[in-house]
């Protein structure tokens, strides 16, 4: 539907947020929201990559928060439990950002937390989640790595 309104746009991923604003008004509400998620998420990913390359964890965290809001509101794949976890993380000291991860409708959140705040984060989020849901969350800690690379050409 969006492609019919925009020359050269074959799929929502090919459009910009401003193009959606200008030409997406005729889309049904749900389709507009799904397109808005895809288009704004792509823009966030590009900005997030630059933020990480520049060491700007505050901006990266802000983009994580925006991503969760878009997944929740525009793509509608979050659930109450994930929203509770993200809200608890947003109130915790030392958190740059949080969002759901995985397939949606349950699962996990990923949280970018300052190393010195991890212990308090885990305690506070676990306590808040237990109070809100009656269930104990599983909270895992990991650190970023360089990623995949060629170890041997043999």
Protein backbone atom coordinates (compact mmCIF):
# COMPACT_ATOMS: atom_id res chain seq x y z
CA UNK A 1 0.00 0.00 0.00
CA UNK A 2 2.76 2.44 0.91
CA UNK A 3 4.64 1.50 -2.26
CA UNK A 4 1.67 2.63 -4.39
CA UNK A 5 1.93 6.13 -2.91
CA UNK A 6 5.71 6.48 -3.12
CA UNK A 7 7.63 6.05 -6.36
CA UNK A 8 10.75 3.95 -5.82
CA UNK A 9 9.52 2.53 -2.51
CA UNK A 10 9.05 -1.22 -2.78
CA UNK A 11 8.66 -1.88 0.94
CA UNK A 12 8.40 0.15 4.16
CA UNK A 13 12.13 -0.35 4.78
CA UNK A 14 12.79 1.81 1.69
CA UNK A 15 10.90 4.83 3.03
CA UNK A 16 11.95 7.56 5.41
CA UNK A 17 9.94 8.79 8.40
CA UNK A 18 9.23 12.07 6.59
CA UNK A 19 7.95 10.21 3.51
CA UNK A 20 5.59 8.20 5.70
CA UNK A 21 4.35 11.45 7.27
CA UNK A 22 3.73 12.98 3.84
CA UNK A 23 2.28 10.01 1.99
CA UNK A 24 1.04 7.51 4.54
CA UNK A 25 -2.16 9.28 5.51
CA UNK A 26 -4.35 7.02 3.37
CA UNK A 27 -3.09 3.83 4.97
CA UNK A 28 -5.40 1.97 7.38
CA UNK A 29 -4.44 2.71 11.00
CA UNK A 30 -2.83 -0.62 11.81
CA UNK A 31 -0.85 -0.69 8.54
CA UNK A 32 0.33 2.88 9.17
CA UNK A 33 1.53 1.92 12.66
CA UNK A 34 3.36 -1.19 11.40
CA UNK A 35 5.04 0.84 8.65
CA UNK A 36 5.95 3.53 11.16
CA UNK A 37 7.64 0.93 13.36
CA UNK A 38 9.68 -0.53 10.51
CA UNK A 39 10.71 2.85 9.14
CA UNK A 40 11.59 4.44 12.48
CA UNK A 41 13.34 1.26 13.71
CA UNK A 42 15.57 1.29 10.64
CA UNK A 43 16.44 4.93 11.32
CA UNK A 44 17.14 4.08 14.98
CA UNK A 45 19.46 1.22 14.02
CA UNK A 46 21.54 3.51 11.79
CA UNK A 47 21.75 6.12 14.56
CA UNK A 48 22.48 3.44 17.18
CA UNK A 49 25.40 2.06 15.17
CA UNK A 50 26.91 5.54 14.96
CA UNK A 51 26.28 6.08 18.69
CA UNK A 52 28.13 2.87 19.55
CA UNK A 53 31.01 3.70 17.22
CA UNK A 54 31.26 7.08 18.95
CA UNK A 55 30.95 5.62 22.46
CA UNK A 56 27.71 7.52 23.13
CA UNK A 57 25.93 5.08 25.46
CA UNK A 58 23.39 7.70 26.55
CA UNK A 59 22.13 8.12 22.98
CA UNK A 60 22.21 4.36 22.43
CA UNK A 61 20.13 3.84 25.58
CA UNK A 62 17.63 6.49 24.49
CA UNK A 63 17.25 4.66 21.18
CA UNK A 64 16.70 1.36 23.03
CA UNK A 65 13.88 3.01 24.99
CA UNK A 66 12.33 4.41 21.79
CA UNK A 67 12.59 1.00 20.17
CA UNK A 68 10.65 -0.61 23.01
CA UNK A 69 7.96 2.07 22.83
CA UNK A 70 7.61 1.46 19.11
CA UNK A 71 7.49 -2.33 19.53
CA UNK A 72 4.84 -1.87 22.22
CA UNK A 73 2.70 0.82 20.57
CA UNK A 74 3.20 0.56 16.80
CA UNK A 75 4.11 -3.09 16.24
CA UNK A 76 2.06 -4.26 19.24
CA UNK A 77 4.26 -7.26 20.12
CA UNK A 78 5.03 -6.50 23.75
CA UNK A 79 3.11 -7.72 26.76
CA UNK A 80 2.46 -6.48 30.29
CA UNK A 81 5.33 -8.45 31.82
CA UNK A 82 7.89 -7.04 29.36
CA UNK A 83 6.54 -3.53 29.82
CA UNK A 84 6.87 -3.91 33.59
CA UNK A 85 10.51 -4.99 33.22
CA UNK A 86 11.31 -2.07 30.91
CA UNK A 87 9.53 0.39 33.22
CA UNK A 88 11.39 -0.94 36.25
CA UNK A 89 14.69 -0.67 34.39
CA UNK A 90 13.91 2.92 33.38
CA UNK A 91 13.55 3.85 37.07
CA UNK A 92 16.75 2.09 38.16
CA UNK A 93 19.99 4.00 38.68
CA UNK A 94 22.73 3.41 36.18
CA UNK A 95 20.52 2.25 33.31
CA UNK A 96 21.12 3.74 29.87
CA UNK A 97 18.18 2.00 28.21
CA UNK A 98 15.99 -1.09 27.98
CA UNK A 99 13.83 -2.84 25.42
CA UNK A 100 12.16 -6.16 24.78
CA UNK A 101 14.12 -8.66 22.73
CA UNK A 102 13.23 -11.90 21.06
CA UNK A 103 10.00 -12.78 19.36
CA UNK A 104 7.60 -10.68 21.38
CA UNK A 105 4.56 -11.59 23.46
CA UNK A 106 6.74 -12.70 26.34
CA UNK A 107 10.37 -13.44 26.62
CA UNK A 108 13.13 -11.13 27.65
CA UNK A 109 14.31 -7.59 27.94
CA UNK A 110 17.82 -6.39 27.29
CA UNK A 111 19.12 -3.63 29.49
CA UNK A 112 22.24 -1.51 29.09
CA UNK A 113 23.46 -0.90 32.65
CA UNK A 114 26.63 0.72 34.02
CA UNK A 115 28.88 -2.01 35.44
CA UNK A 116 28.93 -0.48 38.92
CA UNK A 117 25.11 -0.43 39.03
CA UNK A 118 24.46 -4.05 38.00
CA UNK A 119 24.10 -5.51 41.51
CA UNK A 120 21.61 -2.85 42.61
CA UNK A 121 19.81 -3.08 39.26
CA UNK A 122 19.30 -6.82 39.61
CA UNK A 123 18.05 -6.53 43.19
CA UNK A 124 15.68 -3.61 42.52
CA UNK A 125 14.24 -4.94 39.27
CA UNK A 126 13.76 -8.43 40.73
CA UNK A 127 12.00 -6.96 43.78
CA UNK A 128 9.77 -4.70 41.67
CA UNK A 129 8.89 -7.46 39.24
CA UNK A 130 8.01 -9.88 42.05
CA UNK A 131 5.78 -7.22 43.65
CA UNK A 132 4.06 -6.46 40.34
CA UNK A 133 3.57 -10.00 39.05
CA UNK A 134 4.08 -12.41 41.95
CA UNK A 135 6.79 -14.19 39.93
CA UNK A 136 10.56 -14.29 40.34
CA UNK A 137 12.39 -13.08 37.24
CA UNK A 138 15.58 -14.63 35.94
CA UNK A 139 18.17 -11.90 35.40
CA UNK A 140 21.37 -12.75 33.59
CA UNK A 141 24.47 -10.58 33.36
CA UNK A 142 26.75 -10.50 30.36
CA UNK A 143 29.32 -8.17 28.89
CA UNK A 144 29.78 -7.02 25.32
CA UNK A 145 32.33 -8.81 23.17
CA UNK A 146 34.02 -7.94 19.92
CA UNK A 147 31.70 -10.23 17.96
CA UNK A 148 32.34 -12.87 15.34
CA UNK A 149 35.66 -12.95 13.54
CA UNK A 150 37.72 -15.34 11.45
CA UNK A 151 39.90 -17.38 13.80
CA UNK A 152 41.57 -19.63 11.24
CA UNK A 153 41.36 -19.97 7.50
CA UNK A 154 42.28 -23.69 7.67
